[in-house]
Amino acid sequence: MLADCPAWRRPDLGGGLGSCMDTNQAMPGLQMLMLVALVQVLCVVPAAALTDFPSKFLVGDVNGQVVVTCDTAQEHVSWKQNEHLEIMAEHHIAGRTLTLEGLDQPAAGNYTCWHGPRLLDSTYVVVSDPDYPLLQGAPGSAVTCRAESYGGELSCSWTALRPAAFRARLSRSPDGAPGAWLYVGGGSALQGPDQPQPFTVTLADGTFCPFAEEPRPLELALEGISAESFVNITHRLFLRDIVRPGPPQDVTAQSKGGLLHLSWAPPASWSSPHSYFLLRYQLEYEHWDGTKGSLQLEGVTEMSVEGDVRRVQIRCQDPLVNSTWSPWTTWENV
């Protein structure tokens, strides 16, 4: 539409906002519609995606209220929202406090207080809306954790439905000191709610002893924050319940004299000594005629199979806890 306007009427060429109609034809109705449309656009612009976890934040419900306090000795301060002087919410200021009322999504964002040109403090405000869940799945199943050994290290994964920043930490409950927060990504890589983004974090308990009993569970704390949501999830788990070995390694297969000789090694990530941390192995092999066979072995890393075998793959599990089986190795051709 703008391409058909004379240059002096085109806003991108400095002509200002206006119609392509003759100047004698006043159109207040159209101008009012344009103004209303502009206001509507401004009201739905979301807060900028978080690129890291804020050091201070407050969570308020839709239509609710939050009170933001500036951490300073100054009696009078000025406020900005997302670096703008205009605050997109009903509010009033009293000394060092800013009260936001009737919260809606335009009120979300980063609030900074200033003394002249000097930044004093910063607080991120979340407007929590149940219509905008942050994680994919129900709270009890949104986060899954796996350990490849009994060394005290585990990986946890989840999927975010919108731009967000996360932090996670591990502690030994009920009296263990919590570990340091690990900060996981931000929202810059997530383009929109139709493009969920997976996250993974690896955590470790440095005090864990793989040879001892596991009398108390580990406690995982995960927090996630976006303009529309805040989640705080706590999981208590035992390594023995989530252990899943990696696939066996160094698989070799040689056929000689009608026998297939196989050898392999435990996963590189598995706990040692391997004579103490035994593994159960499952072998699946395929003959040249397309028929298949399988075997289960425990505590060994070599064997022979009769017949004209074309290829073989192997996986493993902890037999003492009947852990989840490891992924299969890739097919090894004979």
Protein backbone atom coordinates (compact mmCIF):
# COMPACT_ATOMS: atom_id res chain seq x y z
CA MET A 1 0.00 0.00 0.00
CA LEU A 2 2.81 2.45 0.83
CA ALA A 3 4.44 1.89 -2.55
CA ASP A 4 1.44 3.66 -4.22
CA CYS A 5 1.71 6.75 -2.03
CA PRO A 6 3.45 9.95 -3.19
CA ALA A 7 6.85 10.36 -1.56
CA TRP A 8 5.70 13.21 0.64
CA ARG A 9 3.01 10.91 2.12
CA ARG A 10 5.20 7.87 2.68
CA PRO A 11 6.28 7.57 6.34
CA ASP A 12 9.45 5.69 5.37
CA LEU A 13 10.55 8.74 3.35
CA GLY A 14 9.94 11.26 6.09
CA GLY A 15 6.46 12.34 5.07
CA GLY A 16 4.89 11.31 8.37
CA LEU A 17 1.75 9.28 8.90
CA GLY A 18 -1.01 10.06 6.49
CA SER A 19 -3.43 8.88 3.84
CA CYS A 20 -2.96 8.67 0.07
CA MET A 21 -6.28 10.51 -0.28
CA ASP A 22 -6.47 14.09 -1.41
CA THR A 23 -5.62 16.50 1.38
CA ASN A 24 -9.02 18.09 1.09
CA GLN A 25 -10.65 14.81 2.06
CA ALA A 26 -10.30 14.64 5.83
CA MET A 27 -10.64 11.13 7.20
CA PRO A 28 -10.75 11.34 11.01
CA GLY A 29 -12.51 7.98 11.20
CA LEU A 30 -9.70 6.19 9.37
CA GLN A 31 -7.06 7.96 11.42
CA MET A 32 -8.84 6.89 14.61
CA LEU A 33 -8.88 3.28 13.38
CA MET A 34 -5.14 3.49 12.65
CA LEU A 35 -4.50 4.84 16.15
CA VAL A 36 -6.56 2.06 17.76
CA ALA A 37 -4.69 -0.56 15.71
CA LEU A 38 -1.35 0.92 16.82
CA VAL A 39 -2.41 0.81 20.47
CA GLN A 40 -3.52 -2.82 20.06
CA VAL A 41 -0.13 -3.76 18.59
CA LEU A 42 1.70 -2.09 21.44
CA CYS A 43 -0.43 -3.93 23.98
CA VAL A 44 0.45 -7.37 22.67
CA VAL A 45 4.19 -6.90 22.27
CA PRO A 46 5.74 -9.50 24.61
CA ALA A 47 8.61 -8.84 26.96
CA ALA A 48 12.03 -9.53 25.52
CA ALA A 49 13.14 -13.15 25.75
CA LEU A 50 15.39 -13.88 28.70
CA THR A 51 18.95 -14.69 27.77
CA ASP A 52 20.01 -15.58 31.31
CA PHE A 53 18.45 -16.22 34.70
CA PRO A 54 17.76 -12.95 36.57
CA SER A 55 19.46 -12.46 39.92
CA LYS A 56 16.25 -10.95 41.34
CA PHE A 57 12.73 -11.70 40.26
CA LEU A 58 9.13 -11.49 41.43
CA VAL A 59 6.16 -13.57 40.32
CA GLY A 60 2.68 -12.06 40.16
CA ASP A 61 -0.60 -13.56 38.98
CA VAL A 62 -2.65 -12.16 36.12
CA ASN A 63 -4.84 -9.30 37.43
CA GLY A 64 -2.83 -9.39 40.65
CA GLN A 65 -0.28 -7.08 42.24
CA VAL A 66 3.45 -7.07 42.95
CA VAL A 67 5.56 -4.61 44.91
CA VAL A 68 9.05 -4.03 43.53
CA THR A 69 11.58 -2.61 45.99
CA CYS A 70 14.76 -0.84 44.97
CA ASP A 71 17.71 -2.04 47.05
CA THR A 72 19.24 1.35 47.81
CA ALA A 73 19.56 3.95 50.53
CA GLN A 74 18.26 6.64 48.18
CA GLU A 75 14.87 7.98 49.24
CA HIS A 76 13.65 8.89 45.76
CA VAL A 77 14.35 6.94 42.61
CA SER A 78 13.07 6.78 39.05
CA TRP A 79 11.93 3.57 37.34
CA LYS A 80 12.18 2.03 33.89
CA GLN A 81 10.62 -1.07 32.38
CA ASN A 82 12.78 -2.85 29.79
CA GLU A 83 14.90 0.31 29.54
CA HIS A 84 11.84 2.48 28.73
CA LEU A 85 10.60 5.31 30.92
CA GLU A 86 6.97 4.37 30.30
CA ILE A 87 5.70 1.54 32.52
CA MET A 88 3.09 -0.65 30.83
CA ALA A 89 0.93 -1.24 33.91
CA GLU A 90 -1.16 0.57 36.48
CA HIS A 91 1.31 1.63 39.13
CA HIS A 92 2.24 4.03 41.85
CA ILE A 93 5.59 4.96 43.34
CA ALA A 94 6.27 5.59 47.02
CA GLY A 95 9.89 6.26 47.90
CA ARG A 96 11.90 3.16 46.91
CA THR A 97 8.89 0.98 46.07
CA LEU A 98 6.99 0.53 42.83
CA THR A 99 3.58 -1.14 43.10
CA LEU A 100 2.19 -2.74 39.94
CA GLU A 101 -1.52 -3.49 39.90
CA GLY A 102 -3.95 -5.26 37.56
CA LEU A 103 -1.11 -7.26 36.05
CA ASP A 104 -1.27 -8.39 32.43
CA GLN A 105 1.39 -9.54 29.98
CA PRO A 106 2.63 -6.06 28.93
CA ALA A 107 3.57 -5.53 32.60
CA ALA A 108 6.10 -8.39 32.48
CA GLY A 109 9.77 -7.57 32.06
CA ASN A 110 12.84 -6.09 33.68
CA TYR A 111 12.31 -3.18 36.08
CA THR A 112 15.30 -0.99 36.93
CA CYS A 113 15.56 1.82 39.44
CA TRP A 114 17.84 4.81 38.91
CA HIS A 115 19.31 7.78 40.70
CA GLY A 116 19.88 10.19 37.87
CA PRO A 117 22.01 8.32 35.29
CA ARG A 118 23.16 5.70 37.85
CA LEU A 119 21.60 2.24 37.83
CA LEU A 120 20.79 1.12 41.37
CA ASP A 121 18.93 -2.19 41.16
CA SER A 122 17.12 -4.54 38.80
CA THR A 123 14.17 -6.93 39.27
CA TYR A 124 12.50 -9.12 36.67
CA VAL A 125 8.70 -9.38 36.98
CA VAL A 126 6.89 -12.49 35.78
CA VAL A 127 3.16 -12.28 35.11
CA SER A 128 2.16 -15.89 35.74
CA ASP A 129 -0.59 -17.05 33.41
CA PRO A 130 -1.90 -20.65 33.54
CA ASP A 131 -2.73 -20.42 29.84
CA TYR A 132 1.01 -20.23 29.08
CA PRO A 133 2.70 -23.33 30.56
CA LEU A 134 6.46 -23.26 30.42
CA LEU A 135 7.28 -26.98 30.26
CA GLN A 136 6.01 -29.73 28.03
CA GLY A 137 4.21 -32.43 30.02
CA ALA A 138 2.71 -32.64 33.47
CA PRO A 139 4.85 -31.27 36.37
CA GLY A 140 5.55 -34.78 37.66
CA SER A 141 6.86 -36.04 34.31
CA ALA A 142 8.22 -32.90 32.65
CA VAL A 143 11.80 -33.63 33.78
CA THR A 144 13.55 -36.97 33.24
CA CYS A 145 16.93 -37.95 34.68
CA ARG A 146 19.40 -40.72 33.83
CA ALA A 147 22.76 -41.85 35.23
CA GLU A 148 25.25 -43.91 33.22
CA SER A 149 27.07 -45.17 36.32
CA TYR A 150 27.22 -44.95 40.10
CA GLY A 151 29.77 -42.15 40.11
CA GLY A 152 27.28 -39.56 41.36
CA GLU A 153 26.72 -37.86 38.00
CA LEU A 154 23.37 -37.64 36.26
CA SER A 155 21.83 -35.87 33.26
CA CYS A 156 18.36 -34.34 33.35
CA SER A 157 16.30 -33.24 30.37
CA TRP A 158 13.12 -31.26 29.73
CA THR A 159 11.44 -29.33 26.92
CA ALA A 160 10.50 -25.64 27.06
CA LEU A 161 7.47 -24.38 25.16
CA ARG A 162 8.52 -20.73 25.08
CA PRO A 163 11.60 -18.52 25.55
CA ALA A 164 12.96 -19.11 29.03
CA ALA A 165 16.02 -19.34 31.24
CA PHE A 166 16.68 -22.19 33.70
CA ARG A 167 18.88 -23.10 36.63
CA ALA A 168 19.35 -26.44 38.40
CA ARG A 169 21.22 -27.78 41.41
CA LEU A 170 21.69 -31.05 43.26
CA SER A 171 21.79 -31.81 46.97
CA ARG A 172 21.61 -34.84 49.24
CA SER A 173 18.37 -34.66 51.22
CA PRO A 174 17.37 -34.13 53.94
CA ASP A 175 20.46 -32.60 55.56
CA GLY A 176 22.95 -32.32 52.71
CA ALA A 177 24.16 -28.89 51.68
CA PRO A 178 22.82 -27.87 48.27
CA GLY A 179 25.23 -27.59 45.39
CA ALA A 180 25.79 -24.45 43.39
CA TRP A 181 23.21 -23.42 40.82
CA LEU A 182 24.03 -24.34 37.24
CA TYR A 183 22.53 -21.95 34.72
CA VAL A 184 21.13 -23.57 31.61
CA GLY A 185 20.79 -21.57 28.42
CA GLY A 186 18.36 -18.77 27.80
CA GLY A 187 15.51 -17.94 25.53
CA SER A 188 17.35 -16.49 22.55
CA ALA A 189 17.40 -19.76 20.60
CA LEU A 190 13.69 -20.43 21.03
CA GLN A 191 11.71 -18.72 18.28
CA GLY A 192 8.14 -19.26 19.42
CA PRO A 193 5.62 -21.50 21.20
CA ASP A 194 5.29 -23.72 18.12
CA GLN A 195 8.97 -24.65 18.26
CA PRO A 196 9.64 -26.42 21.58
CA GLN A 197 13.28 -26.47 22.64
CA PRO A 198 14.95 -29.35 24.54
CA PHE A 199 17.32 -28.62 27.42
CA THR A 200 19.80 -30.93 29.16
CA VAL A 201 21.97 -30.35 32.21
CA THR A 202 24.61 -32.61 33.78
CA LEU A 203 24.89 -32.48 37.56
CA ALA A 204 27.20 -34.27 40.00
CA ASP A 205 27.27 -35.06 43.71
CA GLY A 206 30.95 -34.93 44.61
CA THR A 207 30.36 -36.69 47.94
CA PHE A 208 28.68 -39.77 46.45
CA CYS A 209 30.38 -43.11 47.17
CA PRO A 210 29.54 -45.79 44.57
CA PHE A 211 30.54 -48.64 46.94
CA ALA A 212 28.24 -47.62 49.79
CA GLU A 213 24.53 -48.09 50.29
CA GLU A 214 22.32 -45.27 49.11
CA PRO A 215 20.27 -44.51 52.25
CA ARG A 216 19.06 -41.06 51.19
CA PRO A 217 17.91 -39.79 47.81
CA LEU A 218 19.46 -37.04 45.80
CA GLU A 219 17.34 -33.92 45.49
CA LEU A 220 17.15 -32.11 42.17
CA ALA A 221 15.87 -28.52 42.14
CA LEU A 222 14.96 -26.97 38.79
CA GLU A 223 13.70 -23.43 38.29
CA GLY A 224 12.58 -21.93 35.00
CA ILE A 225 11.46 -18.40 34.24
CA SER A 226 9.86 -16.61 31.31
CA ALA A 227 7.71 -13.52 30.95
CA GLU A 228 4.57 -15.64 31.39
CA SER A 229 5.63 -18.46 33.69
CA PHE A 230 7.76 -19.53 36.62
CA VAL A 231 8.29 -23.19 37.51
CA ASN A 232 9.95 -24.63 40.58
CA ILE A 233 10.29 -28.42 40.45
CA THR A 234 11.86 -30.66 43.09
CA HIS A 235 12.66 -34.30 42.34
CA ARG A 236 13.96 -36.83 44.87
CA LEU A 237 15.66 -39.77 43.25
CA PHE A 238 18.04 -42.64 43.85
CA LEU A 239 20.79 -43.40 41.33
CA ARG A 240 19.88 -47.07 41.48
CA ASP A 241 16.44 -46.19 40.11
CA ILE A 242 17.66 -44.11 37.18
CA VAL A 243 20.90 -45.85 36.19
CA ARG A 244 21.12 -46.80 32.52
CA PRO A 245 24.53 -47.90 31.23
CA GLY A 246 25.90 -46.58 27.99
CA PRO A 247 26.33 -49.03 25.10
CA PRO A 248 29.21 -51.52 25.24
CA GLN A 249 32.36 -50.50 23.38
CA ASP A 250 35.18 -52.04 21.33
CA VAL A 251 32.98 -54.71 19.75
CA THR A 252 34.90 -57.09 17.46
CA ALA A 253 33.47 -60.01 15.44
CA GLN A 254 35.52 -62.62 13.55
CA SER A 255 34.25 -65.74 11.81
CA LYS A 256 36.50 -68.78 11.71
CA GLY A 257 35.85 -72.51 11.27
CA GLY A 258 32.06 -72.15 11.43
CA LEU A 259 32.21 -70.12 14.65
CA LEU A 260 31.71 -66.43 15.25
CA HIS A 261 34.14 -65.15 17.89
CA LEU A 262 32.90 -62.01 19.68
CA SER A 263 34.54 -59.71 22.19
CA TRP A 264 33.57 -56.36 23.69
CA ALA A 265 34.24 -54.10 26.65
CA PRO A 266 31.96 -52.46 29.24
CA PRO A 267 30.84 -48.90 28.52
CA ALA A 268 33.57 -46.33 29.07
CA SER A 269 31.31 -44.47 31.51
CA TRP A 270 30.50 -47.54 33.65
CA SER A 271 31.72 -47.74 37.25
CA SER A 272 34.85 -49.74 38.01
CA PRO A 273 36.21 -52.19 39.00
CA HIS A 274 34.10 -54.11 36.52
CA SER A 275 34.44 -57.30 38.60
CA TYR A 276 32.42 -55.51 41.31
CA PHE A 277 30.01 -53.62 39.04
CA LEU A 278 28.94 -56.57 36.92
CA LEU A 279 26.86 -56.14 33.79
CA ARG A 280 24.40 -58.37 31.98
CA TYR A 281 24.77 -58.41 28.18
CA GLN A 282 22.27 -59.23 25.50
CA LEU A 283 23.54 -60.21 22.06
CA GLU A 284 21.39 -60.13 18.99
CA TYR A 285 22.75 -61.63 15.78
CA GLU A 286 21.47 -62.13 12.26
CA HIS A 287 22.36 -65.01 9.91
CA TRP A 288 22.88 -64.57 6.21
CA ASP A 289 19.52 -66.22 5.53
CA GLY A 290 17.77 -63.48 7.55
CA THR A 291 17.03 -65.51 10.66
CA LYS A 292 17.91 -63.97 14.02
CA GLY A 293 19.02 -65.23 17.40
CA SER A 294 19.79 -63.73 20.80
CA LEU A 295 21.72 -64.63 23.95
CA GLN A 296 22.05 -63.21 27.45
CA LEU A 297 25.34 -63.41 29.33
CA GLU A 298 26.53 -62.03 32.65
CA GLY A 299 29.98 -61.00 33.79
CA VAL A 300 31.80 -61.99 30.55
CA THR A 301 33.07 -59.93 27.63
CA GLU A 302 33.67 -62.61 24.98
CA MET A 303 32.00 -65.69 23.53
CA SER A 304 31.55 -67.79 20.38
CA VAL A 305 28.40 -68.40 18.34
CA GLU A 306 27.90 -71.28 15.95
CA GLY A 307 26.59 -70.69 12.46
CA ASP A 308 26.98 -68.43 9.48
CA VAL A 309 26.42 -65.05 11.15
CA ARG A 310 26.20 -61.86 9.09
CA ARG A 311 26.13 -59.16 11.78
CA VAL A 312 25.72 -58.65 15.54
CA GLN A 313 24.75 -55.94 18.07
CA ILE A 314 25.05 -55.81 21.87
CA ARG A 315 23.45 -53.95 24.79
CA CYS A 316 23.81 -54.19 28.58
CA GLN A 317 22.11 -53.56 31.92
CA ASP A 318 22.86 -53.70 35.65
CA PRO A 319 21.49 -57.10 36.74
CA LEU A 320 21.37 -56.24 40.44
CA VAL A 321 18.71 -53.54 40.00
CA ASN A 322 17.29 -54.70 36.65
CA SER A 323 18.11 -51.31 35.23
CA THR A 324 16.88 -50.02 31.90
CA TRP A 325 18.83 -51.61 29.07
CA SER A 326 21.50 -49.52 27.42
CA PRO A 327 21.10 -48.43 23.82
CA TRP A 328 22.16 -51.07 21.30
CA THR A 329 25.57 -50.78 19.72
CA THR A 330 25.50 -50.23 15.98
CA TRP A 331 25.38 -53.42 13.93
CA GLU A 332 28.84 -54.94 13.63
CA ASN A 333 29.31 -56.71 10.30
CA VAL A 334 31.28 -59.95 10.35
